[in-house]
């Protein structure tokens, strides 16, 4: 099929690769514009931009698709279908209507649960046992369109958002190839009104750990924000990112250190399995503790 691909971050790259490997014709790739990054604030292209150039594909990165000229340029591609995954721009109706078969979105949740910007983070933080991907026919709403195909997967007990992100990206890549192969036989299923939840964008203000909460919630919070933006606390005057955790037995005052990297919570305790000091790389717990003396209490 003649496809316009629209995606931006690492999550989208395996999907682009899968479409190319399946023999589809990518008439253009749309992604977010390069943005200043790093110490020098030099403009850095997005992961999809870089991969598309490697594949010899045309890349477009308009700052908006509301401009009539941008919409006309999109329509002129003559695509049969648009494939959208973590693109990052709202698609106005003329864009949704331009491909002959409309636009399909790969959404990383089991809709209607976790519509919105951060479905993977929110599923882990909420303690969901299951998530997945949905191939959805896009409409003007926020992840409200009918679902063509859904694939579910269990969330591991100690799985982080980073771990789940990579699995769901691969699952979504396989699902969209299957959906395109079966496009004429799939029946769009309207999403039910029951069970709708919204995955609000992660705010960095959420990242500080509240040790007064129950251990199960604290551990999910840490795993859900790993690796980005990274839950954190103050340890010996340093702002330490906590990247892996499990609920553990133990008791004490919230924030009290009751084991090498075990911290008391409001109920129970949390064992930190992976952490990162400022200016250092992430380390497993045993390596983190080498040459680092834990205080009696963390903040």
Protein backbone atom coordinates (compact mmCIF):
# COMPACT_ATOMS: atom_id res chain seq x y z
CA UNK A 1 0.00 0.00 0.00
CA UNK A 2 1.02 3.63 -0.47
CA UNK A 3 1.48 4.88 3.08
CA UNK A 4 2.21 8.21 4.72
CA UNK A 5 4.01 7.42 7.97
CA UNK A 6 3.70 9.85 10.88
CA UNK A 7 5.78 9.31 14.00
CA UNK A 8 8.57 10.91 16.00
CA UNK A 9 10.26 9.09 18.95
CA UNK A 10 12.10 5.79 19.40
CA UNK A 11 8.76 4.02 19.94
CA UNK A 12 7.83 4.70 16.30
CA UNK A 13 11.03 3.43 14.66
CA UNK A 14 10.31 -0.36 14.77
CA UNK A 15 6.91 0.37 13.18
CA UNK A 16 8.52 2.22 10.27
CA UNK A 17 11.02 -0.62 9.81
CA UNK A 18 8.24 -3.23 9.84
CA UNK A 19 6.23 -1.39 7.19
CA UNK A 20 9.26 -1.15 4.90
CA UNK A 21 10.17 -4.81 5.48
CA UNK A 22 6.58 -5.82 4.65
CA UNK A 23 6.96 -4.22 1.22
CA UNK A 24 4.72 -1.19 1.65
CA UNK A 25 5.57 2.00 -0.24
CA UNK A 26 6.27 4.85 2.17
CA UNK A 27 5.53 7.96 0.10
CA UNK A 28 6.66 10.33 2.88
CA UNK A 29 7.58 10.34 6.54
CA UNK A 30 6.23 13.08 8.81
CA UNK A 31 7.85 13.76 12.18
CA UNK A 32 8.46 16.55 14.66
CA UNK A 33 11.06 19.18 13.64
CA UNK A 34 14.64 18.96 14.95
CA UNK A 35 14.96 20.57 18.38
CA UNK A 36 17.91 22.05 20.31
CA UNK A 37 19.47 19.41 22.55
CA UNK A 38 22.60 18.75 24.56
CA UNK A 39 25.01 21.21 26.10
CA UNK A 40 25.58 23.03 22.84
CA UNK A 41 21.85 23.27 22.13
CA UNK A 42 22.48 22.14 18.57
CA UNK A 43 19.41 21.08 16.64
CA UNK A 44 18.99 17.32 16.79
CA UNK A 45 16.71 15.39 14.43
CA UNK A 46 14.23 12.96 15.95
CA UNK A 47 14.78 9.17 15.96
CA UNK A 48 12.23 8.69 13.15
CA UNK A 49 13.87 11.45 11.09
CA UNK A 50 17.26 9.77 11.39
CA UNK A 51 15.91 6.31 10.55
CA UNK A 52 13.88 7.57 7.58
CA UNK A 53 16.95 9.19 6.06
CA UNK A 54 18.87 5.92 6.55
CA UNK A 55 16.09 4.18 4.61
CA UNK A 56 16.22 6.77 1.82
CA UNK A 57 12.72 8.08 2.53
CA UNK A 58 11.44 11.62 2.09
CA UNK A 59 11.13 13.39 5.45
CA UNK A 60 8.81 16.29 6.23
CA UNK A 61 8.60 18.06 9.58
CA UNK A 62 6.10 20.92 9.48
CA UNK A 63 5.52 22.69 12.79
CA UNK A 64 1.76 22.58 12.16
CA UNK A 65 -0.66 20.82 9.84
CA UNK A 66 -3.35 23.48 10.12
CA UNK A 67 -1.88 25.55 7.28
CA UNK A 68 -3.80 25.00 3.98
CA UNK A 69 -0.50 24.72 2.09
CA UNK A 70 0.72 21.94 4.39
CA UNK A 71 -2.62 20.18 3.99
CA UNK A 72 -2.49 20.47 0.21
CA UNK A 73 1.07 19.08 0.17
CA UNK A 74 -0.08 16.14 2.30
CA UNK A 75 -3.06 15.42 0.04
CA UNK A 76 -0.88 15.63 -3.09
CA UNK A 77 1.02 12.53 -1.93
CA UNK A 78 -1.97 10.42 -2.99
CA UNK A 79 -1.55 7.97 -0.11
CA UNK A 80 -3.94 5.09 0.35
CA UNK A 81 -3.61 5.22 4.13
CA UNK A 82 -1.86 7.10 6.91
CA UNK A 83 -0.11 5.22 9.72
CA UNK A 84 0.32 7.32 12.86
CA UNK A 85 2.26 6.35 15.98
CA UNK A 86 3.38 8.84 18.63
CA UNK A 87 3.57 11.67 16.10
CA UNK A 88 2.96 14.51 18.55
CA UNK A 89 0.76 16.84 16.50
CA UNK A 90 -3.02 17.03 16.35
CA UNK A 91 -4.25 15.97 12.91
CA UNK A 92 -6.94 18.32 11.59
CA UNK A 93 -9.85 16.84 9.66
CA UNK A 94 -8.43 17.60 6.16
CA UNK A 95 -5.35 15.51 7.05
CA UNK A 96 -7.46 12.65 8.44
CA UNK A 97 -9.58 12.66 5.28
CA UNK A 98 -6.78 12.94 2.71
CA UNK A 99 -5.69 9.27 2.43
CA UNK A 100 -8.23 7.15 0.57
CA UNK A 101 -8.64 4.79 3.54
CA UNK A 102 -8.12 7.42 6.24
CA UNK A 103 -5.53 7.24 9.02
CA UNK A 104 -4.75 4.41 11.41
CA UNK A 105 -3.21 5.04 14.82
CA UNK A 106 -1.17 2.59 16.88
CA UNK A 107 -2.04 3.32 20.50
CA UNK A 108 -0.14 1.69 23.37
CA UNK A 109 -3.05 0.65 25.58
CA UNK A 110 -6.20 -1.45 25.51
CA UNK A 111 -8.67 1.28 24.61
CA UNK A 112 -10.76 2.86 26.01
CA UNK A 113 -8.42 2.56 29.02
CA UNK A 114 -5.60 5.09 28.98
CA UNK A 115 -6.49 7.36 26.13
CA UNK A 116 -4.03 10.23 25.86
CA UNK A 117 -0.36 11.09 26.04
CA UNK A 118 1.26 8.67 28.52
CA UNK A 119 -0.54 5.31 28.42
CA UNK A 120 2.52 3.18 29.21
CA UNK A 121 3.61 5.23 32.23
CA UNK A 122 0.08 5.34 33.62
CA UNK A 123 -0.53 1.61 33.21
CA UNK A 124 2.60 0.75 35.19
CA UNK A 125 1.96 3.41 37.84
CA UNK A 126 -1.62 2.20 38.30
CA UNK A 127 -0.54 -1.41 38.77
CA UNK A 128 -2.41 -2.72 35.74
CA UNK A 129 -1.84 -6.43 35.20
CA UNK A 130 -2.41 -6.22 31.44
CA UNK A 131 -1.97 -3.73 28.63
CA UNK A 132 -1.41 -3.94 24.89
CA UNK A 133 -1.77 -2.09 21.61
CA UNK A 134 -4.79 -1.09 19.55
CA UNK A 135 -4.93 -0.30 15.85
CA UNK A 136 -7.53 2.44 15.74
CA UNK A 137 -9.28 4.27 12.91
CA UNK A 138 -8.58 7.91 13.71
CA UNK A 139 -11.29 10.51 14.12
CA UNK A 140 -11.33 14.06 15.47
CA UNK A 141 -11.46 12.95 19.13
CA UNK A 142 -8.62 12.06 21.49
CA UNK A 143 -8.06 8.35 20.85
CA UNK A 144 -11.82 7.84 20.47
CA UNK A 145 -11.99 6.12 17.07
CA UNK A 146 -13.18 2.56 16.43
CA UNK A 147 -10.66 -0.23 17.00
CA UNK A 148 -9.72 -2.55 14.13
CA UNK A 149 -7.30 -4.84 15.96
CA UNK A 150 -6.09 -5.25 19.54
CA UNK A 151 -3.25 -7.28 20.98
CA UNK A 152 -2.85 -7.75 24.75
CA UNK A 153 0.18 -8.57 26.89
CA UNK A 154 0.78 -9.04 30.61
CA UNK A 155 2.84 -6.48 32.53
CA UNK A 156 5.71 -8.09 34.44
CA UNK A 157 5.75 -7.65 38.22
CA UNK A 158 9.01 -5.66 38.12
CA UNK A 159 8.72 -4.30 34.58
CA UNK A 160 9.52 -0.63 34.10
CA UNK A 161 7.97 1.75 31.62
CA UNK A 162 11.19 1.49 29.58
CA UNK A 163 10.93 -2.30 29.41
CA UNK A 164 7.25 -2.21 28.48
CA UNK A 165 7.81 0.60 25.96
CA UNK A 166 10.16 -1.57 23.94
CA UNK A 167 7.85 -4.60 24.03
CA UNK A 168 4.79 -2.61 23.01
CA UNK A 169 6.69 -0.96 20.17
CA UNK A 170 7.49 -4.37 18.71
CA UNK A 171 3.94 -5.58 19.35
CA UNK A 172 2.54 -2.52 17.60
CA UNK A 173 4.83 -3.03 14.62
CA UNK A 174 3.59 -6.59 14.15
CA UNK A 175 -0.03 -5.54 14.71
CA UNK A 176 -0.06 -2.78 12.08
CA UNK A 177 1.44 -5.10 9.45
CA UNK A 178 -1.24 -7.66 10.27
CA UNK A 179 -3.97 -5.01 10.16
CA UNK A 180 -2.87 -3.75 6.76
CA UNK A 181 -2.76 -7.31 5.41
CA UNK A 182 -6.34 -7.87 6.65
CA UNK A 183 -7.68 -4.37 6.12
CA UNK A 184 -10.62 -5.48 3.93
CA UNK A 185 -11.82 -8.10 6.41
CA UNK A 186 -11.46 -6.21 9.70
CA UNK A 187 -14.59 -4.81 11.31
CA UNK A 188 -14.18 -1.48 13.16
CA UNK A 189 -15.50 -1.84 16.72
CA UNK A 190 -16.71 1.38 18.41
CA UNK A 191 -15.11 1.93 21.79
CA UNK A 192 -17.46 1.40 24.74
CA UNK A 193 -18.37 4.33 26.97
CA UNK A 194 -17.59 2.21 30.02
CA UNK A 195 -14.00 1.97 31.25
CA UNK A 196 -12.69 5.21 29.76
CA UNK A 197 -9.59 6.58 31.50
CA UNK A 198 -7.13 9.28 30.46
CA UNK A 199 -3.36 9.05 30.59
CA UNK A 200 -2.33 12.61 31.39
CA UNK A 201 1.10 13.74 30.22
CA UNK A 202 3.76 13.07 32.84
CA UNK A 203 4.67 16.21 34.77
CA UNK A 204 8.17 16.37 36.23
CA UNK A 205 6.58 17.62 39.45
CA UNK A 206 5.25 14.07 39.91
CA UNK A 207 8.72 12.60 40.04
CA UNK A 208 9.69 13.13 43.68
CA UNK A 209 9.03 10.03 45.76
CA UNK A 210 6.56 10.32 48.62
CA UNK A 211 7.72 7.74 51.15
CA UNK A 212 4.54 8.13 53.21
CA UNK A 213 2.59 6.19 50.57
CA UNK A 214 2.23 2.38 50.76
CA UNK A 215 5.21 0.44 49.44
CA UNK A 216 3.29 -1.12 46.54
CA UNK A 217 2.37 2.36 45.27
CA UNK A 218 5.89 3.73 45.73
CA UNK A 219 7.43 0.79 43.84
CA UNK A 220 4.95 1.22 40.97
CA UNK A 221 5.65 4.94 40.93
CA UNK A 222 9.39 4.33 40.59
CA UNK A 223 8.99 1.70 37.87
CA UNK A 224 6.40 3.78 36.04
CA UNK A 225 8.72 6.79 35.76
CA UNK A 226 11.77 4.73 34.72
CA UNK A 227 13.76 5.71 32.77
CA UNK A 228 12.07 9.05 32.03
CA UNK A 229 11.69 11.40 33.76
CA UNK A 230 12.95 9.20 36.60
CA UNK A 231 11.52 9.18 40.11
CA UNK A 232 13.94 10.74 42.59
CA UNK A 233 14.70 11.39 46.22
CA UNK A 234 17.47 13.08 48.19
CA UNK A 235 20.13 10.76 49.54
CA UNK A 236 23.02 12.27 51.52
CA UNK A 237 22.36 15.64 49.91
CA UNK A 238 22.29 14.27 46.37
CA UNK A 239 19.28 14.08 44.05
CA UNK A 240 19.31 10.40 43.14
CA UNK A 241 17.17 8.89 40.40
CA UNK A 242 15.49 5.63 41.34
CA UNK A 243 15.07 3.42 38.29
CA UNK A 244 14.03 0.04 39.62
CA UNK A 245 12.18 -1.08 42.74
CA UNK A 246 10.15 -3.81 44.37
CA UNK A 247 7.89 -3.82 47.43
CA UNK A 248 9.54 -5.53 50.39
CA UNK A 249 8.85 -6.58 53.95
CA UNK A 250 9.94 -4.21 56.65
CA UNK A 251 8.74 -1.34 58.76
CA UNK A 252 9.96 2.01 59.99
CA UNK A 253 9.34 5.70 59.67
CA UNK A 254 8.69 6.81 56.07
CA UNK A 255 12.05 7.47 54.44
CA UNK A 256 14.01 5.51 57.05
CA UNK A 257 16.79 3.34 55.63
CA UNK A 258 16.20 -0.15 57.05
CA UNK A 259 18.51 -2.12 54.74
CA UNK A 260 21.36 -1.44 52.27
CA UNK A 261 18.91 0.08 49.73
CA UNK A 262 15.61 -0.67 51.46
CA UNK A 263 13.50 2.30 52.46
CA UNK A 264 10.53 2.25 54.84
CA UNK A 265 7.23 3.57 53.49
CA UNK A 266 3.88 4.46 55.02
CA UNK A 267 3.04 0.76 54.85
CA UNK A 268 5.84 -1.74 54.22
CA UNK A 269 9.13 -0.92 52.53
CA UNK A 270 10.67 -0.63 49.07
CA UNK A 271 13.90 -2.23 47.90
CA UNK A 272 15.68 -0.11 45.29
CA UNK A 273 17.18 -2.35 42.61
CA UNK A 274 18.61 0.28 40.24
CA UNK A 275 19.61 3.91 40.80
CA UNK A 276 21.61 6.76 39.32
CA UNK A 277 23.64 9.45 41.09
CA UNK A 278 24.05 12.90 39.48
CA UNK A 279 26.53 12.81 36.61
CA UNK A 280 26.84 9.03 36.80
CA UNK A 281 25.41 6.20 34.73
CA UNK A 282 22.55 4.02 36.02
CA UNK A 283 23.78 1.23 38.30
CA UNK A 284 22.39 -1.94 39.79
CA UNK A 285 21.97 -1.77 43.56
CA UNK A 286 25.15 -3.65 44.52
CA UNK A 287 27.30 -1.45 42.27
CA UNK A 288 25.57 1.73 43.42
CA UNK A 289 26.45 0.98 47.04
CA UNK A 290 30.18 0.51 46.37
CA UNK A 291 31.96 3.41 48.03
CA UNK A 292 28.66 5.10 48.90
CA UNK A 293 27.57 5.26 52.51
CA UNK A 294 23.83 5.32 52.93
CA UNK A 295 22.46 7.69 55.58
CA UNK A 296 19.84 6.73 58.15
CA UNK A 297 17.11 8.57 56.31
CA UNK A 298 16.32 9.72 52.76
CA UNK A 299 14.15 12.66 51.70
